[in-house]
């Protein structure tokens, strides 16, 4: 029972962190917002990494948040990708994250975001 309670606590904590990142993505991406989002994603990755051996969910959150961090912070013409996306695209990314948390489909985050942005940034495959 303790393992189940602890795993639920870890899942709830990681979901809250992903939701926070999803909220930050919606903001206009000035330098302060970019830094806050990057810190939020790194904190999520670090927390998930700490529990990845005890929880399959944490391992998946760690993987997906790492990929999300790589995608959003890749360099495009001397800027991070997240800084070049329009508000509508950032809002769609935010919704992808929120829906994944709500529906328990964390493993779909990477594919859904790549599908969303690949038409504009053909460097992704």
N, C-alpha and C. Protein backbone atom coordinates (compact mmCIF):
# COMPACT_ATOMS: atom_id res chain seq x y z
N UNK A 1 0.82 -1.19 0.00
CA UNK A 1 0.00 0.00 0.00
C UNK A 1 0.87 1.26 0.00
N UNK A 2 1.96 1.23 0.75
CA UNK A 2 2.84 2.39 0.80
C UNK A 2 3.40 2.70 -0.59
N UNK A 3 3.81 1.66 -1.33
CA UNK A 3 4.34 1.88 -2.67
C UNK A 3 3.30 2.56 -3.56
N UNK A 4 2.06 2.12 -3.46
CA UNK A 4 1.01 2.69 -4.27
C UNK A 4 0.77 4.15 -3.90
N UNK A 5 0.75 4.44 -2.62
CA UNK A 5 0.57 5.82 -2.16
C UNK A 5 1.74 6.67 -2.61
N UNK A 6 2.97 6.16 -2.44
CA UNK A 6 4.15 6.91 -2.85
C UNK A 6 4.16 7.14 -4.36
N UNK A 7 3.82 6.11 -5.13
CA UNK A 7 3.80 6.27 -6.58
C UNK A 7 2.73 7.29 -6.99
N UNK A 8 1.58 7.28 -6.33
CA UNK A 8 0.54 8.28 -6.62
C UNK A 8 1.04 9.68 -6.31
N UNK A 9 1.76 9.84 -5.21
CA UNK A 9 2.32 11.14 -4.86
C UNK A 9 3.33 11.61 -5.91
N UNK A 10 4.17 10.69 -6.36
CA UNK A 10 5.15 11.02 -7.40
C UNK A 10 4.42 11.41 -8.68
N UNK A 11 3.42 10.64 -9.06
CA UNK A 11 2.65 10.93 -10.27
C UNK A 11 1.97 12.29 -10.16
N UNK A 12 1.35 12.56 -9.03
CA UNK A 12 0.69 13.85 -8.83
C UNK A 12 1.68 15.01 -8.89
N UNK A 13 2.85 14.82 -8.28
CA UNK A 13 3.87 15.86 -8.29
C UNK A 13 4.36 16.12 -9.72
N UNK A 14 4.64 15.07 -10.47
CA UNK A 14 5.12 15.23 -11.83
C UNK A 14 4.05 15.83 -12.74
N UNK A 15 2.81 15.43 -12.53
CA UNK A 15 1.71 16.02 -13.31
C UNK A 15 1.60 17.52 -13.04
N UNK A 16 1.72 17.91 -11.78
CA UNK A 16 1.66 19.34 -11.43
C UNK A 16 2.80 20.10 -12.10
N UNK A 17 3.96 19.49 -12.15
CA UNK A 17 5.11 20.15 -12.79
C UNK A 17 4.90 20.29 -14.29
N UNK A 18 4.37 19.25 -14.92
CA UNK A 18 4.08 19.33 -16.35
C UNK A 18 3.01 20.38 -16.63
N UNK A 19 2.01 20.44 -15.78
CA UNK A 19 0.97 21.47 -15.94
C UNK A 19 1.54 22.88 -15.80
N UNK A 20 2.47 23.06 -14.88
CA UNK A 20 3.11 24.36 -14.73
C UNK A 20 3.86 24.73 -16.00
N UNK A 21 4.60 23.78 -16.56
CA UNK A 21 5.32 24.04 -17.81
C UNK A 21 4.34 24.37 -18.93
N UNK A 22 3.22 23.68 -18.97
CA UNK A 22 2.24 23.95 -20.03
C UNK A 22 1.70 25.37 -19.91
N UNK A 23 1.53 25.85 -18.69
CA UNK A 23 1.07 27.23 -18.48
C UNK A 23 2.13 28.24 -18.93
N UNK A 24 3.39 27.95 -18.62
CA UNK A 24 4.47 28.86 -18.99
C UNK A 24 4.65 28.96 -20.51
N UNK A 25 4.35 27.89 -21.22
CA UNK A 25 4.50 27.88 -22.68
C UNK A 25 3.57 28.89 -23.33
N UNK A 26 2.43 29.15 -22.71
CA UNK A 26 1.44 30.05 -23.31
C UNK A 26 1.87 31.51 -23.27
N UNK A 27 2.77 31.87 -22.35
CA UNK A 27 3.18 33.26 -22.22
C UNK A 27 3.97 33.73 -23.43
N UNK A 28 3.96 35.03 -23.66
CA UNK A 28 4.82 35.62 -24.67
C UNK A 28 6.26 35.27 -24.31
N UNK A 29 7.06 34.87 -25.26
CA UNK A 29 8.39 34.35 -24.95
C UNK A 29 9.47 35.42 -24.96
N UNK A 30 9.43 36.28 -23.93
CA UNK A 30 10.56 37.18 -23.73
C UNK A 30 11.65 36.39 -22.99
N UNK A 31 12.79 37.00 -22.75
CA UNK A 31 13.92 36.28 -22.15
C UNK A 31 13.56 35.69 -20.78
N UNK A 32 12.83 36.44 -19.96
CA UNK A 32 12.45 35.96 -18.63
C UNK A 32 11.55 34.73 -18.73
N UNK A 33 10.60 34.74 -19.66
CA UNK A 33 9.70 33.60 -19.83
C UNK A 33 10.44 32.37 -20.33
N UNK A 34 11.38 32.58 -21.23
CA UNK A 34 12.19 31.46 -21.74
C UNK A 34 12.97 30.82 -20.59
N UNK A 35 13.57 31.65 -19.75
CA UNK A 35 14.34 31.14 -18.61
C UNK A 35 13.44 30.39 -17.63
N UNK A 36 12.27 30.95 -17.33
CA UNK A 36 11.34 30.29 -16.40
C UNK A 36 10.89 28.94 -16.94
N UNK A 37 10.58 28.89 -18.24
CA UNK A 37 10.15 27.63 -18.85
C UNK A 37 11.28 26.61 -18.81
N UNK A 38 12.47 27.04 -19.16
CA UNK A 38 13.61 26.11 -19.15
C UNK A 38 13.86 25.58 -17.73
N UNK A 39 13.79 26.45 -16.73
CA UNK A 39 13.96 26.00 -15.34
C UNK A 39 12.87 25.03 -14.93
N UNK A 40 11.64 25.30 -15.34
CA UNK A 40 10.52 24.42 -15.01
C UNK A 40 10.72 23.03 -15.62
N UNK A 41 11.11 22.99 -16.88
CA UNK A 41 11.33 21.70 -17.54
C UNK A 41 12.50 20.95 -16.92
N UNK A 42 13.55 21.67 -16.59
CA UNK A 42 14.71 21.01 -15.97
C UNK A 42 14.37 20.47 -14.58
N UNK A 43 13.56 21.19 -13.83
CA UNK A 43 13.12 20.71 -12.52
C UNK A 43 12.26 19.45 -12.69
N UNK A 44 11.38 19.46 -13.67
CA UNK A 44 10.56 18.27 -13.95
C UNK A 44 11.45 17.09 -14.32
N UNK A 45 12.41 17.32 -15.21
CA UNK A 45 13.31 16.24 -15.62
C UNK A 45 14.08 15.70 -14.42
N UNK A 46 14.58 16.59 -13.59
CA UNK A 46 15.36 16.18 -12.42
C UNK A 46 14.52 15.37 -11.44
N UNK A 47 13.32 15.83 -11.17
CA UNK A 47 12.43 15.11 -10.25
C UNK A 47 12.05 13.75 -10.81
N UNK A 48 11.71 13.71 -12.08
CA UNK A 48 11.33 12.43 -12.71
C UNK A 48 12.52 11.49 -12.74
N UNK A 49 13.70 12.03 -13.01
CA UNK A 49 14.92 11.21 -13.05
C UNK A 49 15.17 10.54 -11.71
N UNK A 50 14.91 11.25 -10.65
CA UNK A 50 15.14 10.71 -9.30
C UNK A 50 14.25 9.50 -9.01
N UNK A 51 13.08 9.44 -9.62
CA UNK A 51 12.12 8.35 -9.35
C UNK A 51 11.99 7.35 -10.49
N UNK A 52 12.78 7.50 -11.54
CA UNK A 52 12.58 6.70 -12.75
C UNK A 52 12.75 5.19 -12.54
N UNK A 53 13.52 4.79 -11.54
CA UNK A 53 13.71 3.35 -11.29
C UNK A 53 12.58 2.76 -10.47
N UNK A 54 11.87 3.60 -9.73
CA UNK A 54 10.77 3.13 -8.89
C UNK A 54 9.42 3.26 -9.57
N UNK A 55 9.35 4.04 -10.63
CA UNK A 55 8.06 4.32 -11.24
C UNK A 55 8.19 4.39 -12.76
N UNK A 56 7.42 3.54 -13.44
CA UNK A 56 7.40 3.59 -14.91
C UNK A 56 6.90 4.95 -15.39
N UNK A 57 5.96 5.50 -14.66
CA UNK A 57 5.41 6.81 -15.02
C UNK A 57 6.51 7.87 -14.95
N UNK A 58 7.28 7.85 -13.87
CA UNK A 58 8.38 8.82 -13.73
C UNK A 58 9.40 8.65 -14.85
N UNK A 59 9.68 7.41 -15.22
CA UNK A 59 10.62 7.18 -16.33
C UNK A 59 10.09 7.78 -17.63
N UNK A 60 8.80 7.63 -17.86
CA UNK A 60 8.20 8.19 -19.08
C UNK A 60 8.17 9.72 -19.04
N UNK A 61 7.84 10.28 -17.88
CA UNK A 61 7.86 11.74 -17.74
C UNK A 61 9.27 12.27 -17.95
N UNK A 62 10.25 11.59 -17.39
CA UNK A 62 11.65 12.00 -17.58
C UNK A 62 12.00 12.00 -19.07
N UNK A 63 11.67 10.94 -19.76
CA UNK A 63 11.97 10.84 -21.19
C UNK A 63 11.25 11.94 -21.97
N UNK A 64 9.95 12.07 -21.77
CA UNK A 64 9.16 13.04 -22.53
C UNK A 64 9.56 14.48 -22.22
N UNK A 65 9.83 14.80 -20.96
CA UNK A 65 10.24 16.16 -20.63
C UNK A 65 11.64 16.46 -21.17
N UNK A 66 12.50 15.46 -21.24
CA UNK A 66 13.82 15.65 -21.84
C UNK A 66 13.69 15.96 -23.33
N UNK A 67 12.84 15.21 -24.02
CA UNK A 67 12.61 15.44 -25.44
C UNK A 67 11.98 16.81 -25.65
N UNK A 68 11.00 17.15 -24.83
CA UNK A 68 10.34 18.45 -24.93
C UNK A 68 11.37 19.58 -24.75
N UNK A 69 12.24 19.43 -23.78
CA UNK A 69 13.28 20.43 -23.54
C UNK A 69 14.19 20.55 -24.76
N UNK A 70 14.60 19.42 -25.32
CA UNK A 70 15.44 19.44 -26.52
C UNK A 70 14.74 20.13 -27.68
N UNK A 71 13.48 19.81 -27.90
CA UNK A 71 12.73 20.40 -29.01
C UNK A 71 12.56 21.90 -28.84
N UNK A 72 12.07 22.31 -27.69
CA UNK A 72 11.74 23.72 -27.49
C UNK A 72 12.96 24.62 -27.39
N UNK A 73 14.08 24.06 -26.99
CA UNK A 73 15.28 24.88 -26.80
C UNK A 73 16.37 24.62 -27.84
N UNK A 74 16.00 23.94 -28.94
CA UNK A 74 16.97 23.80 -30.02
C UNK A 74 17.19 25.18 -30.65
N UNK A 75 18.38 25.38 -31.18
CA UNK A 75 18.72 26.66 -31.78
C UNK A 75 18.18 26.76 -33.20
N UNK A 76 17.45 27.84 -33.47
CA UNK A 76 16.95 28.17 -34.80
C UNK A 76 17.40 29.61 -35.07
N UNK A 77 18.31 29.78 -36.00
CA UNK A 77 18.79 31.13 -36.33
C UNK A 77 19.14 31.93 -35.07
N UNK A 78 19.98 31.35 -34.24
CA UNK A 78 20.49 31.99 -33.02
C UNK A 78 19.42 32.26 -31.96
N UNK A 79 18.26 31.68 -32.09
CA UNK A 79 17.20 31.78 -31.08
C UNK A 79 16.75 30.37 -30.73
N UNK A 80 16.12 30.24 -29.57
CA UNK A 80 15.52 28.96 -29.21
C UNK A 80 14.22 28.82 -30.00
N UNK A 81 13.90 27.61 -30.38
CA UNK A 81 12.67 27.35 -31.14
C UNK A 81 11.46 27.97 -30.44
N UNK A 82 11.35 27.82 -29.13
CA UNK A 82 10.18 28.33 -28.40
C UNK A 82 10.01 29.83 -28.62
N UNK A 83 11.11 30.55 -28.80
CA UNK A 83 11.04 32.00 -29.01
C UNK A 83 10.51 32.36 -30.39
N UNK A 84 10.57 31.42 -31.33
CA UNK A 84 10.16 31.70 -32.70
C UNK A 84 8.72 31.27 -32.99
N UNK A 85 8.12 30.53 -32.09
CA UNK A 85 6.76 30.03 -32.32
C UNK A 85 5.73 31.12 -32.04
N UNK A 86 4.69 31.13 -32.86
CA UNK A 86 3.62 32.11 -32.62
C UNK A 86 2.75 31.66 -31.44
N UNK A 87 1.94 32.59 -30.96
CA UNK A 87 1.11 32.32 -29.79
C UNK A 87 0.16 31.15 -29.97
N UNK A 88 -0.39 30.99 -31.15
CA UNK A 88 -1.32 29.89 -31.41
C UNK A 88 -0.61 28.54 -31.30
N UNK A 89 0.59 28.45 -31.85
CA UNK A 89 1.35 27.20 -31.78
C UNK A 89 1.75 26.90 -30.34
N UNK A 90 2.18 27.92 -29.61
CA UNK A 90 2.53 27.70 -28.19
C UNK A 90 1.30 27.24 -27.41
N UNK A 91 0.14 27.80 -27.72
CA UNK A 91 -1.08 27.39 -27.03
C UNK A 91 -1.41 25.93 -27.36
N UNK A 92 -1.21 25.52 -28.60
CA UNK A 92 -1.46 24.12 -28.98
C UNK A 92 -0.49 23.19 -28.25
N UNK A 93 0.76 23.59 -28.11
CA UNK A 93 1.73 22.78 -27.36
C UNK A 93 1.28 22.67 -25.91
N UNK A 94 0.84 23.78 -25.35
CA UNK A 94 0.35 23.78 -23.98
C UNK A 94 -0.82 22.82 -23.81
N UNK A 95 -1.75 22.84 -24.75
CA UNK A 95 -2.90 21.93 -24.71
C UNK A 95 -2.48 20.47 -24.85
N UNK A 96 -1.48 20.22 -25.67
CA UNK A 96 -0.96 18.85 -25.81
C UNK A 96 -0.47 18.35 -24.45
N UNK A 97 0.27 19.19 -23.75
CA UNK A 97 0.77 18.79 -22.42
C UNK A 97 -0.37 18.58 -21.43
N UNK A 98 -1.28 19.54 -21.37
CA UNK A 98 -2.40 19.42 -20.42
C UNK A 98 -3.25 18.19 -20.71
N UNK A 99 -3.54 17.94 -21.99
CA UNK A 99 -4.34 16.77 -22.36
C UNK A 99 -3.62 15.48 -22.01
N UNK A 100 -2.31 15.43 -22.24
CA UNK A 100 -1.53 14.23 -21.93
C UNK A 100 -1.58 13.92 -20.44
N UNK A 101 -1.48 14.94 -19.63
CA UNK A 101 -1.55 14.75 -18.17
C UNK A 101 -2.95 14.28 -17.78
N UNK A 102 -3.95 14.98 -18.28
CA UNK A 102 -5.34 14.68 -17.91
C UNK A 102 -5.76 13.28 -18.36
N UNK A 103 -5.34 12.90 -19.56
CA UNK A 103 -5.76 11.61 -20.13
C UNK A 103 -4.79 10.48 -19.83
N UNK A 104 -3.66 10.79 -19.20
CA UNK A 104 -2.67 9.76 -18.90
C UNK A 104 -1.94 9.24 -20.13
N UNK A 105 -1.79 10.10 -21.12
CA UNK A 105 -1.13 9.70 -22.37
C UNK A 105 0.20 10.44 -22.54
N UNK A 106 0.99 10.44 -21.48
CA UNK A 106 2.27 11.14 -21.47
C UNK A 106 3.17 10.68 -22.63
N UNK A 107 3.10 9.40 -22.96
CA UNK A 107 3.98 8.86 -24.00
C UNK A 107 3.71 9.46 -25.38
N UNK A 108 2.60 10.16 -25.55
CA UNK A 108 2.28 10.76 -26.85
C UNK A 108 2.79 12.19 -27.02
N UNK A 109 3.37 12.77 -25.99
CA UNK A 109 3.78 14.18 -26.04
C UNK A 109 4.74 14.43 -27.20
N UNK A 110 5.80 13.65 -27.27
CA UNK A 110 6.81 13.87 -28.32
C UNK A 110 6.19 13.84 -29.71
N UNK A 111 5.47 12.77 -30.02
CA UNK A 111 4.88 12.63 -31.36
C UNK A 111 3.92 13.76 -31.67
N UNK A 112 3.08 14.13 -30.72
CA UNK A 112 2.10 15.18 -30.96
C UNK A 112 2.75 16.54 -31.21
N UNK A 113 3.79 16.85 -30.47
CA UNK A 113 4.46 18.14 -30.66
C UNK A 113 5.26 18.14 -31.95
N UNK A 114 5.95 17.05 -32.24
CA UNK A 114 6.70 16.98 -33.50
C UNK A 114 5.74 17.11 -34.67
N UNK A 115 4.61 16.43 -34.62
CA UNK A 115 3.62 16.54 -35.70
C UNK A 115 3.12 17.98 -35.85
N UNK A 116 2.98 18.68 -34.75
CA UNK A 116 2.50 20.06 -34.78
C UNK A 116 3.51 21.00 -35.44
N UNK A 117 4.78 20.86 -35.11
CA UNK A 117 5.75 21.85 -35.57
C UNK A 117 6.59 21.40 -36.77
N UNK A 118 6.51 20.15 -37.17
CA UNK A 118 7.40 19.68 -38.22
C UNK A 118 7.17 20.35 -39.58
N UNK A 119 5.97 20.79 -39.86
CA UNK A 119 5.71 21.46 -41.14
C UNK A 119 6.46 22.78 -41.23
N UNK A 120 6.59 23.48 -40.12
CA UNK A 120 7.30 24.76 -40.11
C UNK A 120 8.80 24.60 -39.95
N UNK A 121 9.22 23.51 -39.32
CA UNK A 121 10.64 23.28 -39.05
C UNK A 121 10.99 21.90 -39.55
N UNK A 122 11.34 21.80 -40.82
CA UNK A 122 11.56 20.52 -41.49
C UNK A 122 12.80 19.79 -40.98
N UNK A 123 13.56 20.41 -40.09
CA UNK A 123 14.73 19.76 -39.54
C UNK A 123 14.36 18.62 -38.61
N UNK A 124 13.12 18.55 -38.19
CA UNK A 124 12.67 17.47 -37.31
C UNK A 124 12.23 16.28 -38.14
N UNK A 125 12.63 15.10 -37.70
CA UNK A 125 12.10 13.91 -38.37
C UNK A 125 11.61 12.90 -37.40
